[in-house]
Full PDB file with SEQRES, HELIX, SHEET, SSBOND, CRYST1, ORIGX, SCALE, CONECT and MASTER records, all heavy atoms in Angstrom:
SEQRES   1 A   45  PHE THR ILE GLY GLY VAL THR GLY ILE MET LEU SER ALA          
SEQRES   2 A   45  SER ILE LEU ASP THR LEU LEU HIS ASP THR TRP PHE VAL          
SEQRES   3 A   45  VAL ALA HIS PHE HIS TYR VAL LEU SER LEU GLY SER TYR          
SEQRES   4 A   45  SER GLY VAL VAL ILE SER                                      
HELIX    1 AA1 THR A    2  SER A   12  1                                  11    
HELIX    2 AA2 SER A   14  LEU A   20  1                                   7    
HELIX    3 AA3 TRP A   24  PHE A   30  1                                   7    
HELIX    4 AA4 HIS A   31  SER A   38  3                                   8    
HELIX    5 AA5 TYR A   39  ILE A   44  1                                   6    
CRYST1    1.000    1.000    1.000  90.00  90.00  90.00 P 1           1          
ORIGX1      1.000000  0.000000  0.000000        0.00000                         
ORIGX2      0.000000  1.000000  0.000000        0.00000                         
ORIGX3      0.000000  0.000000  1.000000        0.00000                         
SCALE1      1.000000  0.000000  0.000000        0.00000                         
SCALE2      0.000000  1.000000  0.000000        0.00000                         
SCALE3      0.000000  0.000000  1.000000        0.00000                         
ATOM      1  N   PHE A   1       3.134   2.972  -7.739  1.00  0.00           N  
ATOM      2  CA  PHE A   1       1.784   3.235  -7.258  1.00  0.00           C  
ATOM      3  C   PHE A   1       0.849   2.072  -7.586  1.00  0.00           C  
ATOM      4  O   PHE A   1      -0.048   1.741  -6.791  1.00  0.00           O  
ATOM      5  CB  PHE A   1       1.246   4.529  -7.864  1.00  0.00           C  
ATOM      6  CG  PHE A   1      -0.161   4.830  -7.448  1.00  0.00           C  
ATOM      7  CD1 PHE A   1      -0.426   5.338  -6.200  1.00  0.00           C  
ATOM      8  CD2 PHE A   1      -1.220   4.567  -8.306  1.00  0.00           C  
ATOM      9  CE1 PHE A   1      -1.729   5.603  -5.798  1.00  0.00           C  
ATOM     10  CE2 PHE A   1      -2.524   4.823  -7.916  1.00  0.00           C  
ATOM     11  CZ  PHE A   1      -2.784   5.339  -6.657  1.00  0.00           C  
ATOM     12  N   THR A   2       1.046   1.436  -8.741  1.00  0.00           N  
ATOM     13  CA  THR A   2       0.198   0.307  -9.113  1.00  0.00           C  
ATOM     14  C   THR A   2       0.391  -0.865  -8.152  1.00  0.00           C  
ATOM     15  O   THR A   2      -0.581  -1.528  -7.751  1.00  0.00           O  
ATOM     16  CB  THR A   2       0.496  -0.141 -10.560  1.00  0.00           C  
ATOM     17  OG1 THR A   2       0.260   0.962 -11.439  1.00  0.00           O  
ATOM     18  CG2 THR A   2      -0.388  -1.300 -10.963  1.00  0.00           C  
ATOM     19  N   ILE A   3       1.642  -1.122  -7.746  1.00  0.00           N  
ATOM     20  CA  ILE A   3       1.881  -2.175  -6.758  1.00  0.00           C  
ATOM     21  C   ILE A   3       1.145  -1.856  -5.455  1.00  0.00           C  
ATOM     22  O   ILE A   3       0.455  -2.694  -4.866  1.00  0.00           O  
ATOM     23  CB  ILE A   3       3.390  -2.340  -6.489  1.00  0.00           C  
ATOM     24  CG1 ILE A   3       4.092  -2.886  -7.737  1.00  0.00           C  
ATOM     25  CG2 ILE A   3       3.638  -3.273  -5.308  1.00  0.00           C  
ATOM     26  CD1 ILE A   3       5.599  -2.917  -7.626  1.00  0.00           C  
ATOM     27  N   GLY A   4       1.272  -0.600  -4.996  1.00  0.00           N  
ATOM     28  CA  GLY A   4       0.553  -0.196  -3.787  1.00  0.00           C  
ATOM     29  C   GLY A   4      -0.957  -0.277  -3.952  1.00  0.00           C  
ATOM     30  O   GLY A   4      -1.679  -0.673  -3.025  1.00  0.00           O  
ATOM     31  N   GLY A   5      -1.467   0.071  -5.137  1.00  0.00           N  
ATOM     32  CA  GLY A   5      -2.902   0.008  -5.371  1.00  0.00           C  
ATOM     33  C   GLY A   5      -3.428  -1.418  -5.395  1.00  0.00           C  
ATOM     34  O   GLY A   5      -4.503  -1.706  -4.841  1.00  0.00           O  
ATOM     35  N   VAL A   6      -2.687  -2.332  -6.029  1.00  0.00           N  
ATOM     36  CA  VAL A   6      -3.123  -3.737  -6.093  1.00  0.00           C  
ATOM     37  C   VAL A   6      -3.152  -4.351  -4.701  1.00  0.00           C  
ATOM     38  O   VAL A   6      -4.109  -5.053  -4.330  1.00  0.00           O  
ATOM     39  CB  VAL A   6      -2.200  -4.538  -7.040  1.00  0.00           C  
ATOM     40  CG1 VAL A   6      -2.465  -6.030  -6.914  1.00  0.00           C  
ATOM     41  CG2 VAL A   6      -2.401  -4.089  -8.482  1.00  0.00           C  
ATOM     42  N   THR A   7      -2.113  -4.089  -3.899  1.00  0.00           N  
ATOM     43  CA  THR A   7      -2.120  -4.619  -2.529  1.00  0.00           C  
ATOM     44  C   THR A   7      -3.224  -3.956  -1.698  1.00  0.00           C  
ATOM     45  O   THR A   7      -3.777  -4.575  -0.785  1.00  0.00           O  
ATOM     46  CB  THR A   7      -0.758  -4.403  -1.847  1.00  0.00           C  
ATOM     47  OG1 THR A   7      -0.395  -3.020  -1.930  1.00  0.00           O  
ATOM     48  CG2 THR A   7       0.316  -5.246  -2.518  1.00  0.00           C  
ATOM     49  N   GLY A   8      -3.577  -2.722  -2.022  1.00  0.00           N  
ATOM     50  CA  GLY A   8      -4.697  -2.075  -1.344  1.00  0.00           C  
ATOM     51  C   GLY A   8      -6.023  -2.743  -1.669  1.00  0.00           C  
ATOM     52  O   GLY A   8      -6.886  -2.897  -0.787  1.00  0.00           O  
ATOM     53  N   ILE A   9      -6.208  -3.151  -2.922  1.00  0.00           N  
ATOM     54  CA  ILE A   9      -7.417  -3.888  -3.289  1.00  0.00           C  
ATOM     55  C   ILE A   9      -7.471  -5.209  -2.524  1.00  0.00           C  
ATOM     56  O   ILE A   9      -8.532  -5.651  -2.068  1.00  0.00           O  
ATOM     57  CB  ILE A   9      -7.445  -4.144  -4.812  1.00  0.00           C  
ATOM     58  CG1 ILE A   9      -7.578  -2.823  -5.574  1.00  0.00           C  
ATOM     59  CG2 ILE A   9      -8.575  -5.088  -5.173  1.00  0.00           C  
ATOM     60  CD1 ILE A   9      -8.875  -2.097  -5.334  1.00  0.00           C  
ATOM     61  N   MET A  10      -6.308  -5.861  -2.350  1.00  0.00           N  
ATOM     62  CA  MET A  10      -6.280  -7.097  -1.568  1.00  0.00           C  
ATOM     63  C   MET A  10      -6.727  -6.846  -0.129  1.00  0.00           C  
ATOM     64  O   MET A  10      -7.537  -7.578   0.435  1.00  0.00           O  
ATOM     65  CB  MET A  10      -4.872  -7.685  -1.589  1.00  0.00           C  
ATOM     66  CG  MET A  10      -4.409  -8.168  -2.947  1.00  0.00           C  
ATOM     67  SD  MET A  10      -2.669  -8.606  -2.972  1.00  0.00           S  
ATOM     68  CE  MET A  10      -2.637  -9.957  -1.799  1.00  0.00           C  
ATOM     69  N   LEU A  11      -6.211  -5.778   0.464  1.00  0.00           N  
ATOM     70  CA  LEU A  11      -6.542  -5.482   1.857  1.00  0.00           C  
ATOM     71  C   LEU A  11      -7.975  -4.973   2.023  1.00  0.00           C  
ATOM     72  O   LEU A  11      -8.501  -4.960   3.137  1.00  0.00           O  
ATOM     73  CB  LEU A  11      -5.569  -4.448   2.421  1.00  0.00           C  
ATOM     74  CG  LEU A  11      -4.141  -4.935   2.638  1.00  0.00           C  
ATOM     75  CD1 LEU A  11      -3.213  -3.760   2.941  1.00  0.00           C  
ATOM     76  CD2 LEU A  11      -4.078  -5.947   3.782  1.00  0.00           C  
ATOM     77  N   SER A  12      -8.599  -4.541   0.918  1.00  0.00           N  
ATOM     78  CA  SER A  12      -9.978  -4.058   1.033  1.00  0.00           C  
ATOM     79  C   SER A  12     -10.950  -5.194   1.325  1.00  0.00           C  
ATOM     80  O   SER A  12     -12.055  -4.946   1.836  1.00  0.00           O  
ATOM     81  CB  SER A  12     -10.392  -3.346  -0.254  1.00  0.00           C  
ATOM     82  OG  SER A  12     -10.490  -4.284  -1.330  1.00  0.00           O  
ATOM     83  N   ALA A  13     -10.577  -6.437   1.005  1.00  0.00           N  
ATOM     84  CA  ALA A  13     -11.423  -7.578   1.350  1.00  0.00           C  
ATOM     85  C   ALA A  13     -11.300  -7.852   2.843  1.00  0.00           C  
ATOM     86  O   ALA A  13     -10.200  -8.084   3.352  1.00  0.00           O  
ATOM     87  CB  ALA A  13     -11.004  -8.806   0.541  1.00  0.00           C  
ATOM     88  N   SER A  14     -12.421  -7.805   3.550  1.00  0.00           N  
ATOM     89  CA  SER A  14     -12.372  -7.890   5.008  1.00  0.00           C  
ATOM     90  C   SER A  14     -11.767  -9.204   5.496  1.00  0.00           C  
ATOM     91  O   SER A  14     -11.109  -9.227   6.541  1.00  0.00           O  
ATOM     92  CB  SER A  14     -13.777  -7.709   5.593  1.00  0.00           C  
ATOM     93  OG  SER A  14     -14.668  -8.674   5.054  1.00  0.00           O  
ATOM     94  N   ILE A  15     -11.968 -10.291   4.741  1.00  0.00           N  
ATOM     95  CA  ILE A  15     -11.404 -11.578   5.156  1.00  0.00           C  
ATOM     96  C   ILE A  15      -9.878 -11.544   5.091  1.00  0.00           C  
ATOM     97  O   ILE A  15      -9.174 -11.944   6.034  1.00  0.00           O  
ATOM     98  CB  ILE A  15     -11.944 -12.725   4.270  1.00  0.00           C  
ATOM     99  CG1 ILE A  15     -13.460 -12.810   4.380  1.00  0.00           C  
ATOM    100  CG2 ILE A  15     -11.311 -14.050   4.679  1.00  0.00           C  
ATOM    101  CD1 ILE A  15     -13.968 -13.100   5.768  1.00  0.00           C  
ATOM    102  N   LEU A  16      -9.342 -11.030   3.972  1.00  0.00           N  
ATOM    103  CA  LEU A  16      -7.886 -10.928   3.840  1.00  0.00           C  
ATOM    104  C   LEU A  16      -7.314  -9.939   4.839  1.00  0.00           C  
ATOM    105  O   LEU A  16      -6.242 -10.154   5.401  1.00  0.00           O  
ATOM    106  CB  LEU A  16      -7.508 -10.524   2.414  1.00  0.00           C  
ATOM    107  CG  LEU A  16      -7.297 -11.646   1.396  1.00  0.00           C  
ATOM    108  CD1 LEU A  16      -6.973 -11.064   0.039  1.00  0.00           C  
ATOM    109  CD2 LEU A  16      -6.196 -12.581   1.855  1.00  0.00           C  
ATOM    110  N   ASP A  17      -8.033  -8.835   5.045  1.00  0.00           N  
ATOM    111  CA  ASP A  17      -7.539  -7.830   5.990  1.00  0.00           C  
ATOM    112  C   ASP A  17      -7.450  -8.402   7.397  1.00  0.00           C  
ATOM    113  O   ASP A  17      -6.543  -8.062   8.158  1.00  0.00           O  
ATOM    114  CB  ASP A  17      -8.470  -6.610   5.977  1.00  0.00           C  
ATOM    115  CG  ASP A  17      -7.944  -5.492   6.848  1.00  0.00           C  
ATOM    116  OD1 ASP A  17      -7.052  -4.752   6.409  1.00  0.00           O  
ATOM    117  OD2 ASP A  17      -8.413  -5.369   8.002  1.00  0.00           O  
ATOM    118  N   THR A  18      -8.375  -9.272   7.748  1.00  0.00           N  
ATOM    119  CA  THR A  18      -8.339  -9.904   9.068  1.00  0.00           C  
ATOM    120  C   THR A  18      -7.063 -10.729   9.230  1.00  0.00           C  
ATOM    121  O   THR A  18      -6.451 -10.760  10.304  1.00  0.00           O  
ATOM    122  CB  THR A  18      -9.570 -10.801   9.259  1.00  0.00           C  
ATOM    123  OG1 THR A  18     -10.753 -10.005   9.104  1.00  0.00           O  
ATOM    124  CG2 THR A  18      -9.573 -11.426  10.651  1.00  0.00           C  
ATOM    125  N   LEU A  19      -6.630 -11.381   8.143  1.00  0.00           N  
ATOM    126  CA  LEU A  19      -5.419 -12.204   8.216  1.00  0.00           C  
ATOM    127  C   LEU A  19      -4.147 -11.355   8.209  1.00  0.00           C  
ATOM    128  O   LEU A  19      -3.156 -11.699   8.857  1.00  0.00           O  
ATOM    129  CB  LEU A  19      -5.375 -13.184   7.033  1.00  0.00           C  
ATOM    130  CG  LEU A  19      -6.497 -14.236   6.980  1.00  0.00           C  
ATOM    131  CD1 LEU A  19      -6.421 -15.010   5.685  1.00  0.00           C  
ATOM    132  CD2 LEU A  19      -6.390 -15.177   8.175  1.00  0.00           C  
ATOM    133  N   LEU A  20      -4.176 -10.254   7.438  1.00  0.00           N  
ATOM    134  CA  LEU A  20      -2.961  -9.462   7.230  1.00  0.00           C  
ATOM    135  C   LEU A  20      -2.900  -8.212   8.100  1.00  0.00           C  
ATOM    136  O   LEU A  20      -1.915  -7.468   8.040  1.00  0.00           O  
ATOM    137  CB  LEU A  20      -2.858  -9.059   5.756  1.00  0.00           C  
ATOM    138  CG  LEU A  20      -2.735 -10.211   4.767  1.00  0.00           C  
ATOM    139  CD1 LEU A  20      -2.864  -9.711   3.334  1.00  0.00           C  
ATOM    140  CD2 LEU A  20      -1.421 -10.953   4.953  1.00  0.00           C  
ATOM    141  N   HIS A  21      -3.921  -7.975   8.908  1.00  0.00           N  
ATOM    142  CA  HIS A  21      -3.964  -6.761   9.730  1.00  0.00           C  
ATOM    143  C   HIS A  21      -2.774  -6.700  10.683  1.00  0.00           C  
ATOM    144  O   HIS A  21      -2.403  -7.694  11.300  1.00  0.00           O  
ATOM    145  CB  HIS A  21      -5.267  -6.743  10.525  1.00  0.00           C  
ATOM    146  CG  HIS A  21      -5.505  -5.456  11.254  1.00  0.00           C  
ATOM    147  ND1 HIS A  21      -5.986  -4.328  10.644  1.00  0.00           N  
ATOM    148  CD2 HIS A  21      -5.321  -5.126  12.566  1.00  0.00           C  
ATOM    149  CE1 HIS A  21      -6.088  -3.364  11.535  1.00  0.00           C  
ATOM    150  NE2 HIS A  21      -5.692  -3.805  12.703  1.00  0.00           N  
ATOM    151  N   ASP A  22      -2.183  -5.497  10.775  1.00  0.00           N  
ATOM    152  CA  ASP A  22      -1.045  -5.251  11.663  1.00  0.00           C  
ATOM    153  C   ASP A  22       0.157  -6.146  11.369  1.00  0.00           C  
ATOM    154  O   ASP A  22       0.919  -6.510  12.267  1.00  0.00           O  
ATOM    155  CB  ASP A  22      -1.451  -5.413  13.139  1.00  0.00           C  
ATOM    156  CG  ASP A  22      -1.858  -4.080  13.752  1.00  0.00           C  
ATOM    157  OD1 ASP A  22      -1.517  -3.035  13.164  1.00  0.00           O  
ATOM    158  OD2 ASP A  22      -2.506  -4.081  14.806  1.00  0.00           O  
ATOM    159  N   THR A  23       0.313  -6.513  10.086  1.00  0.00           N  
ATOM    160  CA  THR A  23       1.537  -7.206   9.669  1.00  0.00           C  
ATOM    161  C   THR A  23       2.323  -6.279   8.769  1.00  0.00           C  
ATOM    162  O   THR A  23       1.873  -5.194   8.382  1.00  0.00           O  
ATOM    163  CB  THR A  23       1.220  -8.511   8.907  1.00  0.00           C  
ATOM    164  OG1 THR A  23       0.597  -8.178   7.654  1.00  0.00           O  
ATOM    165  CG2 THR A  23       0.295  -9.404   9.723  1.00  0.00           C  
ATOM    166  N   TRP A  24       3.527  -6.739   8.379  1.00  0.00           N  
ATOM    167  CA  TRP A  24       4.374  -5.934   7.497  1.00  0.00           C  
ATOM    168  C   TRP A  24       3.780  -5.764   6.101  1.00  0.00           C  
ATOM    169  O   TRP A  24       4.199  -4.881   5.364  1.00  0.00           O  
ATOM    170  CB  TRP A  24       5.762  -6.576   7.402  1.00  0.00           C  
ATOM    171  CG  TRP A  24       6.621  -6.272   8.578  1.00  0.00           C  
ATOM    172  CD1 TRP A  24       6.813  -7.032   9.685  1.00  0.00           C  
ATOM    173  CD2 TRP A  24       7.416  -5.091   8.766  1.00  0.00           C  
ATOM    174  NE1 TRP A  24       7.668  -6.418  10.568  1.00  0.00           N  
ATOM    175  CE2 TRP A  24       8.067  -5.211  10.018  1.00  0.00           C  
ATOM    176  CE3 TRP A  24       7.639  -3.952   8.022  1.00  0.00           C  
ATOM    177  CZ2 TRP A  24       8.912  -4.248  10.527  1.00  0.00           C  
ATOM    178  CZ3 TRP A  24       8.482  -2.972   8.535  1.00  0.00           C  
ATOM    179  CH2 TRP A  24       9.106  -3.133   9.769  1.00  0.00           C  
ATOM    180  N   PHE A  25       2.792  -6.599   5.733  1.00  0.00           N  
ATOM    181  CA  PHE A  25       2.134  -6.434   4.437  1.00  0.00           C  
ATOM    182  C   PHE A  25       1.472  -5.062   4.351  1.00  0.00           C  
ATOM    183  O   PHE A  25       1.524  -4.398   3.307  1.00  0.00           O  
ATOM    184  CB  PHE A  25       1.102  -7.545   4.234  1.00  0.00           C  
ATOM    185  CG  PHE A  25       0.573  -7.647   2.836  1.00  0.00           C  
ATOM    186  CD1 PHE A  25       1.177  -8.490   1.917  1.00  0.00           C  
ATOM    187  CD2 PHE A  25      -0.524  -6.906   2.429  1.00  0.00           C  
ATOM    188  CE1 PHE A  25       0.693  -8.591   0.624  1.00  0.00           C  
ATOM    189  CE2 PHE A  25      -1.009  -6.988   1.140  1.00  0.00           C  
ATOM    190  CZ  PHE A  25      -0.403  -7.831   0.229  1.00  0.00           C  
ATOM    191  N   VAL A  26       0.834  -4.635   5.446  1.00  0.00           N  
ATOM    192  CA  VAL A  26       0.189  -3.331   5.475  1.00  0.00           C  
ATOM    193  C   VAL A  26       1.229  -2.213   5.334  1.00  0.00           C  
ATOM    194  O   VAL A  26       1.017  -1.221   4.637  1.00  0.00           O  
ATOM    195  CB  VAL A  26      -0.623  -3.167   6.771  1.00  0.00           C  
ATOM    196  CG1 VAL A  26      -1.276  -1.801   6.842  1.00  0.00           C  
ATOM    197  CG2 VAL A  26      -1.651  -4.274   6.902  1.00  0.00           C  
ATOM    198  N   VAL A  27       2.382  -2.385   5.994  1.00  0.00           N  
ATOM    199  CA  VAL A  27       3.458  -1.392   5.901  1.00  0.00           C  
ATOM    200  C   VAL A  27       3.934  -1.267   4.460  1.00  0.00           C  
ATOM    201  O   VAL A  27       4.122  -0.166   3.943  1.00  0.00           O  
ATOM    202  CB  VAL A  27       4.622  -1.781   6.833  1.00  0.00           C  
ATOM    203  CG1 VAL A  27       5.771  -0.799   6.704  1.00  0.00           C  
ATOM    204  CG2 VAL A  27       4.154  -1.858   8.276  1.00  0.00           C  
ATOM    205  N   ALA A  28       4.117  -2.421   3.783  1.00  0.00           N  
ATOM    206  CA  ALA A  28       4.551  -2.394   2.391  1.00  0.00           C  
ATOM    207  C   ALA A  28       3.512  -1.689   1.524  1.00  0.00           C  
ATOM    208  O   ALA A  28       3.849  -0.870   0.653  1.00  0.00           O  
ATOM    209  CB  ALA A  28       4.782  -3.822   1.894  1.00  0.00           C  
ATOM    210  N   HIS A  29       2.238  -1.977   1.766  1.00  0.00           N  
ATOM    211  CA  HIS A  29       1.163  -1.377   0.947  1.00  0.00           C  
ATOM    212  C   HIS A  29       1.188   0.150   1.030  1.00  0.00           C  
ATOM    213  O   HIS A  29       1.264   0.836   0.015  1.00  0.00           O  
ATOM    214  CB  HIS A  29      -0.198  -1.920   1.404  1.00  0.00           C  
ATOM    215  CG  HIS A  29      -1.331  -0.991   1.117  1.00  0.00           C  
ATOM    216  ND1 HIS A  29      -1.714  -0.672  -0.175  1.00  0.00           N  
ATOM    217  CD2 HIS A  29      -2.163  -0.290   1.938  1.00  0.00           C  
ATOM    218  CE1 HIS A  29      -2.734   0.174  -0.126  1.00  0.00           C  
ATOM    219  NE2 HIS A  29      -3.014   0.431   1.139  1.00  0.00           N  
ATOM    220  N   PHE A  30       1.113   0.702   2.248  1.00  0.00           N  
ATOM    221  CA  PHE A  30       0.969   2.151   2.303  1.00  0.00           C  
ATOM    222  C   PHE A  30       2.283   2.875   2.002  1.00  0.00           C  
ATOM    223  O   PHE A  30       2.265   4.037   1.597  1.00  0.00           O  
ATOM    224  CB  PHE A  30       0.319   2.623   3.614  1.00  0.00           C  
ATOM    225  CG  PHE A  30       1.100   2.441   4.872  1.00  0.00           C  
ATOM    226  CD1 PHE A  30       2.211   3.219   5.139  1.00  0.00           C  
ATOM    227  CD2 PHE A  30       0.688   1.531   5.830  1.00  0.00           C  
ATOM    228  CE1 PHE A  30       2.919   3.077   6.325  1.00  0.00           C  
ATOM    229  CE2 PHE A  30       1.377   1.385   7.017  1.00  0.00           C  
ATOM    230  CZ  PHE A  30       2.503   2.163   7.262  1.00  0.00           C  
ATOM    231  N   HIS A  31       3.420   2.207   2.152  1.00  0.00           N  
ATOM    232  CA  HIS A  31       4.655   2.858   1.743  1.00  0.00           C  
ATOM    233  C   HIS A  31       4.790   2.898   0.219  1.00  0.00           C  
ATOM    234  O   HIS A  31       5.353   3.851  -0.334  1.00  0.00           O  
ATOM    235  CB  HIS A  31       5.870   2.169   2.373  1.00  0.00           C  
ATOM    236  CG  HIS A  31       6.146   2.639   3.762  1.00  0.00           C  
ATOM    237  ND1 HIS A  31       5.536   2.122   4.874  1.00  0.00           N  
ATOM    238  CD2 HIS A  31       6.976   3.621   4.227  1.00  0.00           C  
ATOM    239  CE1 HIS A  31       5.968   2.741   5.956  1.00  0.00           C  
ATOM    240  NE2 HIS A  31       6.839   3.660   5.589  1.00  0.00           N  
ATOM    241  N   TYR A  32       4.301   1.881  -0.484  1.00  0.00           N  
ATOM    242  CA  TYR A  32       4.333   1.937  -1.948  1.00  0.00           C  
ATOM    243  C   TYR A  32       3.426   3.047  -2.466  1.00  0.00           C  
ATOM    244  O   TYR A  32       3.725   3.663  -3.489  1.00  0.00           O  
ATOM    245  CB  TYR A  32       3.909   0.593  -2.544  1.00  0.00           C  
ATOM    246  CG  TYR A  32       5.086  -0.271  -2.924  1.00  0.00           C  
ATOM    247  CD1 TYR A  32       5.590  -1.224  -2.051  1.00  0.00           C  
ATOM    248  CD2 TYR A  32       5.728  -0.116  -4.148  1.00  0.00           C  
ATOM    249  CE1 TYR A  32       6.682  -2.004  -2.382  1.00  0.00           C  
ATOM    250  CE2 TYR A  32       6.822  -0.879  -4.497  1.00  0.00           C  
ATOM    251  CZ  TYR A  32       7.297  -1.828  -3.611  1.00  0.00           C  
ATOM    252  OH  TYR A  32       8.396  -2.585  -3.947  1.00  0.00           O  
ATOM    253  N   VAL A  33       2.330   3.322  -1.762  1.00  0.00           N  
ATOM    254  CA  VAL A  33       1.442   4.389  -2.198  1.00  0.00           C  
ATOM    255  C   VAL A  33       1.997   5.761  -1.811  1.00  0.00           C  
ATOM    256  O   VAL A  33       2.086   6.672  -2.634  1.00  0.00           O  
ATOM    257  CB  VAL A  33       0.029   4.198  -1.611  1.00  0.00           C  
ATOM    258  CG1 VAL A  33      -0.860   5.394  -1.934  1.00  0.00           C  
ATOM    259  CG2 VAL A  33      -0.594   2.924  -2.146  1.00  0.00           C  
ATOM    260  N   LEU A  34       2.392   5.918  -0.540  1.00  0.00           N  
ATOM    261  CA  LEU A  34       2.764   7.234  -0.026  1.00  0.00           C  
ATOM    262  C   LEU A  34       4.271   7.485  -0.087  1.00  0.00           C  
ATOM    263  O   LEU A  34       4.737   8.423  -0.716  1.00  0.00           O  
ATOM    264  CB  LEU A  34       2.261   7.386   1.409  1.00  0.00           C  
ATOM    265  CG  LEU A  34       0.742   7.416   1.577  1.00  0.00           C  
ATOM    266  CD1 LEU A  34       0.391   7.623   3.027  1.00  0.00           C  
ATOM    267  CD2 LEU A  34       0.136   8.505   0.726  1.00  0.00           C  
ATOM    268  N   SER A  35       5.034   6.625   0.584  1.00  0.00           N  
ATOM    269  CA  SER A  35       6.466   6.872   0.649  1.00  0.00           C  
ATOM    270  C   SER A  35       7.086   6.891  -0.742  1.00  0.00           C  
ATOM    271  O   SER A  35       7.975   7.682  -1.022  1.00  0.00           O  
ATOM    272  CB  SER A  35       7.137   5.794   1.510  1.00  0.00           C  
ATOM    273  OG  SER A  35       8.534   5.961   1.522  1.00  0.00           O  
ATOM    274  N   LEU A  36       6.593   6.014  -1.615  1.00  0.00           N  
ATOM    275  CA  LEU A  36       7.173   5.943  -2.960  1.00  0.00           C  
ATOM    276  C   LEU A  36       6.359   6.745  -3.959  1.00  0.00           C  
ATOM    277  O   LEU A  36       6.921   7.478  -4.779  1.00  0.00           O  
ATOM    278  CB  LEU A  36       7.265   4.476  -3.396  1.00  0.00           C  
ATOM    279  CG  LEU A  36       7.975   3.556  -2.398  1.00  0.00           C  
ATOM    280  CD1 LEU A  36       8.120   2.151  -2.980  1.00  0.00           C  
ATOM    281  CD2 LEU A  36       9.341   4.101  -2.013  1.00  0.00           C  
ATOM    282  N   GLY A  37       5.028   6.650  -3.905  1.00  0.00           N  
ATOM    283  CA  GLY A  37       4.209   7.398  -4.847  1.00  0.00           C  
ATOM    284  C   GLY A  37       4.306   8.901  -4.629  1.00  0.00           C  
ATOM    285  O   GLY A  37       4.640   9.656  -5.543  1.00  0.00           O  
ATOM    286  N   SER A  38       4.032   9.347  -3.406  1.00  0.00           N  
ATOM    287  CA  SER A  38       4.061  10.793  -3.140  1.00  0.00           C  
ATOM    288  C   SER A  38       5.480  11.341  -3.232  1.00  0.00           C  
ATOM    289  O   SER A  38       5.694  12.452  -3.740  1.00  0.00           O  
ATOM    290  CB  SER A  38       3.480  11.085  -1.751  1.00  0.00           C  
ATOM    291  OG  SER A  38       2.136  10.708  -1.698  1.00  0.00           O  
ATOM    292  N   TYR A  39       6.483  10.595  -2.743  1.00  0.00           N  
ATOM    293  CA  TYR A  39       7.855  11.071  -2.843  1.00  0.00           C  
ATOM    294  C   TYR A  39       8.277  11.184  -4.309  1.00  0.00           C  
ATOM    295  O   TYR A  39       8.958  12.142  -4.690  1.00  0.00           O  
ATOM    296  CB  TYR A  39       8.797  10.152  -2.091  1.00  0.00           C  
ATOM    297  CG  TYR A  39      10.264  10.500  -2.284  1.00  0.00           C  
ATOM    298  CD1 TYR A  39      10.810  11.635  -1.688  1.00  0.00           C  
ATOM    299  CD2 TYR A  39      11.087   9.729  -3.099  1.00  0.00           C  
ATOM    300  CE1 TYR A  39      12.144  11.978  -1.885  1.00  0.00           C  
ATOM    301  CE2 TYR A  39      12.419  10.058  -3.297  1.00  0.00           C  
ATOM    302  CZ  TYR A  39      12.936  11.188  -2.693  1.00  0.00           C  
ATOM    303  OH  TYR A  39      14.257  11.521  -2.883  1.00  0.00           O  
ATOM    304  N   SER A  40       7.872  10.224  -5.137  1.00  0.00           N  
ATOM    305  CA  SER A  40       8.171  10.336  -6.571  1.00  0.00           C  
ATOM    306  C   SER A  40       7.520  11.582  -7.148  1.00  0.00           C  
ATOM    307  O   SER A  40       8.102  12.245  -8.016  1.00  0.00           O  
ATOM    308  CB  SER A  40       7.678   9.095  -7.314  1.00  0.00           C  
ATOM    309  OG  SER A  40       8.383   7.943  -6.909  1.00  0.00           O  
ATOM    310  N   GLY A  41       6.309  11.925  -6.657  1.00  0.00           N  
ATOM    311  CA  GLY A  41       5.667  13.159  -7.099  1.00  0.00           C  
ATOM    312  C   GLY A  41       6.482  14.389  -6.734  1.00  0.00           C  
ATOM    313  O   GLY A  41       6.566  15.349  -7.503  1.00  0.00           O  
ATOM    314  N   VAL A  42       7.106  14.374  -5.550  1.00  0.00           N  
ATOM    315  CA  VAL A  42       7.975  15.484  -5.141  1.00  0.00           C  
ATOM    316  C   VAL A  42       9.165  15.602  -6.088  1.00  0.00           C  
ATOM    317  O   VAL A  42       9.501  16.701  -6.580  1.00  0.00           O  
ATOM    318  CB  VAL A  42       8.464  15.284  -3.688  1.00  0.00           C  
ATOM    319  CG1 VAL A  42       9.552  16.298  -3.333  1.00  0.00           C  
ATOM    320  CG2 VAL A  42       7.306  15.390  -2.712  1.00  0.00           C  
ATOM    321  N   VAL A  43       9.827  14.469  -6.381  1.00  0.00           N  
ATOM    322  CA  VAL A  43      10.998  14.486  -7.267  1.00  0.00           C  
ATOM    323  C   VAL A  43      10.606  14.964  -8.664  1.00  0.00           C  
ATOM    324  O   VAL A  43      11.290  15.805  -9.264  1.00  0.00           O  
ATOM    325  CB  VAL A  43      11.647  13.092  -7.325  1.00  0.00           C  
ATOM    326  CG1 VAL A  43      12.762  13.063  -8.363  1.00  0.00           C  
ATOM    327  CG2 VAL A  43      12.194  12.690  -5.961  1.00  0.00           C  
ATOM    328  N   ILE A  44       9.495  14.449  -9.194  1.00  0.00           N  
ATOM    329  CA  ILE A  44       9.042  14.833 -10.541  1.00  0.00           C  
ATOM    330  C   ILE A  44       8.722  16.322 -10.584  1.00  0.00           C  
ATOM    331  O   ILE A  44       9.035  17.008 -11.570  1.00  0.00           O  
ATOM    332  CB  ILE A  44       7.839  13.984 -10.957  1.00  0.00           C  
ATOM    333  CG1 ILE A  44       8.270  12.520 -11.157  1.00  0.00           C  
ATOM    334  CG2 ILE A  44       7.194  14.514 -12.224  1.00  0.00           C  
ATOM    335  CD1 ILE A  44       7.132  11.546 -11.255  1.00  0.00           C  
ATOM    336  N   SER A  45       8.113  16.843  -9.507  1.00  0.00           N  
ATOM    337  CA  SER A  45       7.808  18.284  -9.461  1.00  0.00           C  
ATOM    338  C   SER A  45       9.082  19.101  -9.529  1.00  0.00           C  
ATOM    339  O   SER A  45       9.154  20.111 -10.243  1.00  0.00           O  
ATOM    340  CB  SER A  45       7.036  18.608  -8.167  1.00  0.00           C  
ATOM    341  OG  SER A  45       5.823  17.916  -8.113  1.00  0.00           O  
TER     342      SER A  45                                                      
MASTER        0    0    0    5    0    0    0    6  341    1    0    4          
END                                                                             
């Protein structure tokens, strides 16, 4: 989740987001938060 959060802070800057928008960087970011963070929450539960 920390990896996903740090990349999210990077994407929150509008200049960086303009460069990285609709690239695989965005896919990596939200999968680290949701696919890995939320799924880990399911396993831990």
